[in-house]
Amino acid sequence: ALHHTFAASHAMSRAACCSARSLIRMGCSSAFACQISRWEASASKPAALLALIDLANTKLDRGDAAGSLVGFRDVLARLEIAEVNQKHASSQLSSVRAGCLFAMAKGHVALAEHGAAEGRLREALALVEGQWGASSPRVLAPCVELARVTALQGRSEEARVFMERARGLPNLKAQQVEKLGELQRELKL
């Protein structure tokens, strides 16, 4: 069992997406190689990807922004594979990608990488708009964070446009409108 644990760790660190045949060539048993291959395949399912995003968010919450970005990049790499292999789940995977990009932007902000954060947020916003529409309540968070990030870069006019867009969304709750007003004052927009 210890040999299999070491072999799994070694195999996964050397080639995370190996085929079963490659694992057998590395000295793993065929049954073990199939088990690892099944694990790798399931690691690209939406629920598993969400768990990996949660893990990266935990690193971010604990102050390890650089470590969280490594985790988010891993999720994005797995999403690339999943989007090719799981056409039937494209809508779910698009939502997972948008959530990952949004969370990843927070890691970039924590490292004062505002340009990178902006790029991730713009990509997340485009995905949300494409899937849910430009007036969906789901565009609120990316718009608010884009307002914050562009303001941090000294681009007040652009930040104001994102803030106005967020404030103009239909069906905002009173508490959301209040929070948007507070943020607008904080950012001096």
C-alpha atoms as a PDB file:
ATOM      1  CA  ALA A   1       0.000   0.000   0.000  1.00  0.00           C
ATOM      2  CA  LEU A   2       2.834   2.382   0.853  1.00  0.00           C
ATOM      3  CA  HIS A   3       4.427   1.624  -2.526  1.00  0.00           C
ATOM      4  CA  HIS A   4       1.140   2.458  -4.258  1.00  0.00           C
ATOM      5  CA  THR A   5       0.829   5.720  -2.300  1.00  0.00           C
ATOM      6  CA  PHE A   6       4.369   6.716  -3.280  1.00  0.00           C
ATOM      7  CA  ALA A   7       3.765   5.611  -6.845  1.00  0.00           C
ATOM      8  CA  ALA A   8       0.579   7.661  -7.034  1.00  0.00           C
ATOM      9  CA  SER A   9       2.267  10.731  -5.648  1.00  0.00           C
ATOM     10  CA  HIS A  10       5.220  10.263  -7.972  1.00  0.00           C
ATOM     11  CA  ALA A  11       3.070   9.547 -11.005  1.00  0.00           C
ATOM     12  CA  MET A  12       0.774  12.487 -10.389  1.00  0.00           C
ATOM     13  CA  SER A  13       3.615  14.919  -9.763  1.00  0.00           C
ATOM     14  CA  ARG A  14       5.503  13.834 -12.909  1.00  0.00           C
ATOM     15  CA  ALA A  15       2.510  13.650 -15.200  1.00  0.00           C
ATOM     16  CA  ALA A  16      -0.798  14.777 -13.797  1.00  0.00           C
ATOM     17  CA  CYS A  17      -2.755  13.927 -16.921  1.00  0.00           C
ATOM     18  CA  CYS A  18      -1.006  10.736 -18.000  1.00  0.00           C
ATOM     19  CA  SER A  19      -2.827   8.047 -19.848  1.00  0.00           C
ATOM     20  CA  ALA A  20      -3.182   4.655 -18.192  1.00  0.00           C
ATOM     21  CA  ARG A  21      -0.602   3.287 -20.634  1.00  0.00           C
ATOM     22  CA  SER A  22       1.949   5.910 -19.526  1.00  0.00           C
ATOM     23  CA  LEU A  23       1.357   5.076 -15.877  1.00  0.00           C
ATOM     24  CA  ILE A  24       1.907   1.374 -16.572  1.00  0.00           C
ATOM     25  CA  ARG A  25       5.189   2.232 -18.298  1.00  0.00           C
ATOM     26  CA  MET A  26       6.199   4.151 -15.151  1.00  0.00           C
ATOM     27  CA  GLY A  27       5.823   0.933 -13.149  1.00  0.00           C
ATOM     28  CA  CYS A  28       2.288   1.187 -11.803  1.00  0.00           C
ATOM     29  CA  SER A  29      -0.008  -1.823 -11.930  1.00  0.00           C
ATOM     30  CA  SER A  30      -2.678  -1.708 -14.633  1.00  0.00           C
ATOM     31  CA  ALA A  31      -5.483  -1.625 -12.042  1.00  0.00           C
ATOM     32  CA  PHE A  32      -3.783   1.220 -10.211  1.00  0.00           C
ATOM     33  CA  ALA A  33      -3.155   3.090 -13.480  1.00  0.00           C
ATOM     34  CA  CYS A  34      -6.845   2.831 -14.371  1.00  0.00           C
ATOM     35  CA  GLN A  35      -7.801   4.088 -10.907  1.00  0.00           C
ATOM     36  CA  ILE A  36      -5.519   7.140 -11.309  1.00  0.00           C
ATOM     37  CA  SER A  37      -6.882   7.795 -14.803  1.00  0.00           C
ATOM     38  CA  ARG A  38     -10.461   7.683 -13.489  1.00  0.00           C
ATOM     39  CA  TRP A  39      -9.472  10.071 -10.687  1.00  0.00           C
ATOM     40  CA  GLU A  40      -7.942  12.478 -13.196  1.00  0.00           C
ATOM     41  CA  ALA A  41     -11.048  12.323 -15.383  1.00  0.00           C
ATOM     42  CA  SER A  42     -13.345  13.012 -12.438  1.00  0.00           C
ATOM     43  CA  ALA A  43     -11.114  15.889 -11.308  1.00  0.00           C
ATOM     44  CA  SER A  44     -12.317  17.833 -14.348  1.00  0.00           C
ATOM     45  CA  LYS A  45     -16.005  17.555 -13.464  1.00  0.00           C
ATOM     46  CA  PRO A  46     -17.731  20.761 -12.335  1.00  0.00           C
ATOM     47  CA  ALA A  47     -18.144  19.634  -8.701  1.00  0.00           C
ATOM     48  CA  ALA A  48     -14.478  18.678  -8.420  1.00  0.00           C
ATOM     49  CA  LEU A  49     -13.427  21.948 -10.038  1.00  0.00           C
ATOM     50  CA  LEU A  50     -15.539  23.889  -7.547  1.00  0.00           C
ATOM     51  CA  ALA A  51     -13.822  22.041  -4.712  1.00  0.00           C
ATOM     52  CA  LEU A  52     -10.429  23.033  -6.164  1.00  0.00           C
ATOM     53  CA  ILE A  53     -11.602  26.664  -6.380  1.00  0.00           C
ATOM     54  CA  ASP A  54     -12.644  26.460  -2.717  1.00  0.00           C
ATOM     55  CA  LEU A  55      -9.179  25.167  -1.846  1.00  0.00           C
ATOM     56  CA  ALA A  56      -7.526  28.049  -3.715  1.00  0.00           C
ATOM     57  CA  ASN A  57      -9.892  30.510  -1.995  1.00  0.00           C
ATOM     58  CA  THR A  58      -8.884  29.046   1.370  1.00  0.00           C
ATOM     59  CA  LYS A  59      -5.240  29.741   0.536  1.00  0.00           C
ATOM     60  CA  LEU A  60      -6.188  33.297  -0.394  1.00  0.00           C
ATOM     61  CA  ASP A  61      -8.176  33.748   2.834  1.00  0.00           C
ATOM     62  CA  ARG A  62      -5.139  32.572   4.803  1.00  0.00           C
ATOM     63  CA  GLY A  63      -2.905  35.157   3.156  1.00  0.00           C
ATOM     64  CA  ASP A  64      -1.256  32.955   0.533  1.00  0.00           C
ATOM     65  CA  ALA A  65      -2.242  34.928  -2.572  1.00  0.00           C
ATOM     66  CA  ALA A  66       0.584  33.493  -4.682  1.00  0.00           C
ATOM     67  CA  GLY A  67      -0.377  29.944  -3.673  1.00  0.00           C
ATOM     68  CA  SER A  68      -4.000  30.646  -4.475  1.00  0.00           C
ATOM     69  CA  LEU A  69      -3.063  31.784  -7.982  1.00  0.00           C
ATOM     70  CA  VAL A  70      -1.292  28.462  -8.533  1.00  0.00           C
ATOM     71  CA  GLY A  71      -4.517  26.692  -7.546  1.00  0.00           C
ATOM     72  CA  PHE A  72      -6.663  28.890  -9.784  1.00  0.00           C
ATOM     73  CA  ARG A  73      -4.302  28.301 -12.724  1.00  0.00           C
ATOM     74  CA  ASP A  74      -4.630  24.555 -12.130  1.00  0.00           C
ATOM     75  CA  VAL A  75      -8.415  24.867 -12.287  1.00  0.00           C
ATOM     76  CA  LEU A  76      -8.191  26.860 -15.530  1.00  0.00           C
ATOM     77  CA  ALA A  77      -5.932  24.185 -17.032  1.00  0.00           C
ATOM     78  CA  ARG A  78      -8.387  21.476 -16.002  1.00  0.00           C
ATOM     79  CA  LEU A  79     -11.219  23.541 -17.469  1.00  0.00           C
ATOM     80  CA  GLU A  80      -9.429  23.635 -20.826  1.00  0.00           C
ATOM     81  CA  ILE A  81      -9.477  19.827 -20.884  1.00  0.00           C
ATOM     82  CA  ALA A  82     -13.027  19.562 -19.541  1.00  0.00           C
ATOM     83  CA  GLU A  83     -14.400  22.008 -22.113  1.00  0.00           C
ATOM     84  CA  VAL A  84     -13.029  19.824 -24.903  1.00  0.00           C
ATOM     85  CA  ASN A  85     -14.116  16.513 -23.388  1.00  0.00           C
ATOM     86  CA  GLN A  86     -17.445  17.493 -21.825  1.00  0.00           C
ATOM     87  CA  LYS A  87     -19.388  19.407 -24.477  1.00  0.00           C
ATOM     88  CA  HIS A  88     -22.629  18.409 -22.723  1.00  0.00           C
ATOM     89  CA  ALA A  89     -21.581  20.420 -19.648  1.00  0.00           C
ATOM     90  CA  SER A  90     -20.522  23.618 -21.430  1.00  0.00           C
ATOM     91  CA  SER A  91     -22.978  25.825 -19.541  1.00  0.00           C
ATOM     92  CA  GLN A  92     -21.866  24.502 -16.143  1.00  0.00           C
ATOM     93  CA  LEU A  93     -18.205  24.730 -17.089  1.00  0.00           C
ATOM     94  CA  SER A  94     -18.667  28.313 -18.285  1.00  0.00           C
ATOM     95  CA  SER A  95     -20.107  29.225 -14.884  1.00  0.00           C
ATOM     96  CA  VAL A  96     -17.219  27.476 -13.138  1.00  0.00           C
ATOM     97  CA  ARG A  97     -14.720  29.352 -15.346  1.00  0.00           C
ATOM     98  CA  ALA A  98     -16.372  32.695 -14.569  1.00  0.00           C
ATOM     99  CA  GLY A  99     -16.302  31.939 -10.835  1.00  0.00           C
ATOM    100  CA  CYS A 100     -12.661  30.889 -10.996  1.00  0.00           C
ATOM    101  CA  LEU A 101     -11.659  34.022 -12.905  1.00  0.00           C
ATOM    102  CA  PHE A 102     -13.555  36.214 -10.437  1.00  0.00           C
ATOM    103  CA  ALA A 103     -11.870  34.561  -7.444  1.00  0.00           C
ATOM    104  CA  MET A 104      -8.506  34.644  -9.193  1.00  0.00           C
ATOM    105  CA  ALA A 105      -8.840  38.409  -9.646  1.00  0.00           C
ATOM    106  CA  LYS A 106      -8.963  38.744  -5.865  1.00  0.00           C
ATOM    107  CA  GLY A 107      -5.617  36.963  -5.661  1.00  0.00           C
ATOM    108  CA  HIS A 108      -4.153  39.373  -8.186  1.00  0.00           C
ATOM    109  CA  VAL A 109      -5.510  42.350  -6.225  1.00  0.00           C
ATOM    110  CA  ALA A 110      -3.937  40.969  -3.032  1.00  0.00           C
ATOM    111  CA  LEU A 111      -0.584  41.001  -4.854  1.00  0.00           C
ATOM    112  CA  ALA A 112      -1.254  44.511  -6.250  1.00  0.00           C
ATOM    113  CA  GLU A 113      -1.427  43.057  -9.776  1.00  0.00           C
ATOM    114  CA  HIS A 114      -4.346  45.269 -10.763  1.00  0.00           C
ATOM    115  CA  GLY A 115      -3.890  44.911 -14.525  1.00  0.00           C
ATOM    116  CA  ALA A 116      -4.024  41.114 -14.259  1.00  0.00           C
ATOM    117  CA  ALA A 117      -7.055  41.359 -11.981  1.00  0.00           C
ATOM    118  CA  GLU A 118      -8.806  43.596 -14.472  1.00  0.00           C
ATOM    119  CA  GLY A 119      -8.177  41.128 -17.287  1.00  0.00           C
ATOM    120  CA  ARG A 120      -9.612  38.240 -15.259  1.00  0.00           C
ATOM    121  CA  LEU A 121     -12.649  40.307 -14.280  1.00  0.00           C
ATOM    122  CA  ARG A 122     -13.332  41.405 -17.846  1.00  0.00           C
ATOM    123  CA  GLU A 123     -13.171  37.790 -18.961  1.00  0.00           C
ATOM    124  CA  ALA A 124     -15.524  36.730 -16.141  1.00  0.00           C
ATOM    125  CA  LEU A 125     -17.945  39.537 -17.019  1.00  0.00           C
ATOM    126  CA  ALA A 126     -17.980  38.505 -20.690  1.00  0.00           C
ATOM    127  CA  LEU A 127     -18.750  34.894 -19.727  1.00  0.00           C
ATOM    128  CA  VAL A 128     -21.555  35.914 -17.375  1.00  0.00           C
ATOM    129  CA  GLU A 129     -23.055  38.267 -19.953  1.00  0.00           C
ATOM    130  CA  GLY A 130     -22.818  35.588 -22.632  1.00  0.00           C
ATOM    131  CA  GLN A 131     -24.581  33.031 -20.502  1.00  0.00           C
ATOM    132  CA  TRP A 132     -27.060  35.108 -18.502  1.00  0.00           C
ATOM    133  CA  GLY A 133     -27.410  38.422 -20.363  1.00  0.00           C
ATOM    134  CA  ALA A 134     -26.123  41.951 -19.792  1.00  0.00           C
ATOM    135  CA  SER A 135     -28.870  42.848 -17.298  1.00  0.00           C
ATOM    136  CA  SER A 136     -28.596  39.708 -15.206  1.00  0.00           C
ATOM    137  CA  PRO A 137     -28.016  40.229 -11.476  1.00  0.00           C
ATOM    138  CA  ARG A 138     -24.971  37.989 -11.944  1.00  0.00           C
ATOM    139  CA  VAL A 139     -23.069  40.849 -13.604  1.00  0.00           C
ATOM    140  CA  LEU A 140     -23.239  42.887 -10.378  1.00  0.00           C
ATOM    141  CA  ALA A 141     -20.139  41.397  -8.722  1.00  0.00           C
ATOM    142  CA  PRO A 142     -17.836  41.626 -11.773  1.00  0.00           C
ATOM    143  CA  CYS A 143     -18.988  45.208 -12.457  1.00  0.00           C
ATOM    144  CA  VAL A 144     -18.389  46.256  -8.852  1.00  0.00           C
ATOM    145  CA  GLU A 145     -14.938  44.682  -8.773  1.00  0.00           C
ATOM    146  CA  LEU A 146     -14.064  46.222 -12.146  1.00  0.00           C
ATOM    147  CA  ALA A 147     -15.075  49.605 -10.718  1.00  0.00           C
ATOM    148  CA  ARG A 148     -12.782  48.985  -7.736  1.00  0.00           C
ATOM    149  CA  VAL A 149      -9.836  47.743  -9.816  1.00  0.00           C
ATOM    150  CA  THR A 150     -10.004  50.498 -12.419  1.00  0.00           C
ATOM    151  CA  ALA A 151     -10.259  53.091  -9.617  1.00  0.00           C
ATOM    152  CA  LEU A 152      -7.156  51.586  -7.993  1.00  0.00           C
ATOM    153  CA  GLN A 153      -5.378  52.122 -11.304  1.00  0.00           C
ATOM    154  CA  GLY A 154      -6.403  55.789 -11.332  1.00  0.00           C
ATOM    155  CA  ARG A 155      -8.990  55.384 -14.082  1.00  0.00           C
ATOM    156  CA  SER A 156     -11.884  57.086 -12.315  1.00  0.00           C
ATOM    157  CA  GLU A 157     -14.037  57.681 -15.387  1.00  0.00           C
ATOM    158  CA  GLU A 158     -13.951  53.998 -16.337  1.00  0.00           C
ATOM    159  CA  ALA A 159     -14.594  53.033 -12.720  1.00  0.00           C
ATOM    160  CA  ARG A 160     -17.608  55.363 -12.708  1.00  0.00           C
ATOM    161  CA  VAL A 161     -19.010  53.638 -15.823  1.00  0.00           C
ATOM    162  CA  PHE A 162     -18.794  50.213 -14.153  1.00  0.00           C
ATOM    163  CA  MET A 163     -20.349  51.575 -10.965  1.00  0.00           C
ATOM    164  CA  GLU A 164     -23.225  53.176 -12.886  1.00  0.00           C
ATOM    165  CA  ARG A 165     -23.771  49.938 -14.737  1.00  0.00           C
ATOM    166  CA  ALA A 166     -23.938  48.047 -11.431  1.00  0.00           C
ATOM    167  CA  ARG A 167     -26.333  50.607  -9.923  1.00  0.00           C
ATOM    168  CA  GLY A 168     -28.539  50.445 -13.023  1.00  0.00           C
ATOM    169  CA  LEU A 169     -29.181  46.718 -12.837  1.00  0.00           C
ATOM    170  CA  PRO A 170     -32.837  45.820 -12.375  1.00  0.00           C
ATOM    171  CA  ASN A 171     -34.207  44.384  -9.147  1.00  0.00           C
ATOM    172  CA  LEU A 172     -31.379  45.430  -6.822  1.00  0.00           C
ATOM    173  CA  LYS A 173     -32.237  45.064  -3.153  1.00  0.00           C
ATOM    174  CA  ALA A 174     -32.124  48.136  -0.927  1.00  0.00           C
ATOM    175  CA  GLN A 175     -29.077  46.759   0.891  1.00  0.00           C
ATOM    176  CA  GLN A 176     -27.225  46.306  -2.412  1.00  0.00           C
ATOM    177  CA  VAL A 177     -28.012  49.876  -3.463  1.00  0.00           C
ATOM    178  CA  GLU A 178     -26.785  51.104  -0.075  1.00  0.00           C
ATOM    179  CA  LYS A 179     -23.525  49.116  -0.360  1.00  0.00           C
ATOM    180  CA  LEU A 180     -22.974  50.416  -3.895  1.00  0.00           C
ATOM    181  CA  GLY A 181     -23.420  53.975  -2.644  1.00  0.00           C
ATOM    182  CA  GLU A 182     -20.884  53.366   0.139  1.00  0.00           C
ATOM    183  CA  LEU A 183     -18.383  51.939  -2.314  1.00  0.00           C
ATOM    184  CA  GLN A 184     -18.949  54.801  -4.741  1.00  0.00           C
ATOM    185  CA  ARG A 185     -18.181  57.304  -1.947  1.00  0.00           C
ATOM    186  CA  GLU A 186     -15.168  55.249  -0.810  1.00  0.00           C
ATOM    187  CA  LEU A 187     -13.754  55.218  -4.340  1.00  0.00           C
ATOM    188  CA  LYS A 188     -14.657  58.917  -4.772  1.00  0.00           C
ATOM    189  CA  LEU A 189     -16.549  58.335  -7.987  1.00  0.00           C
END
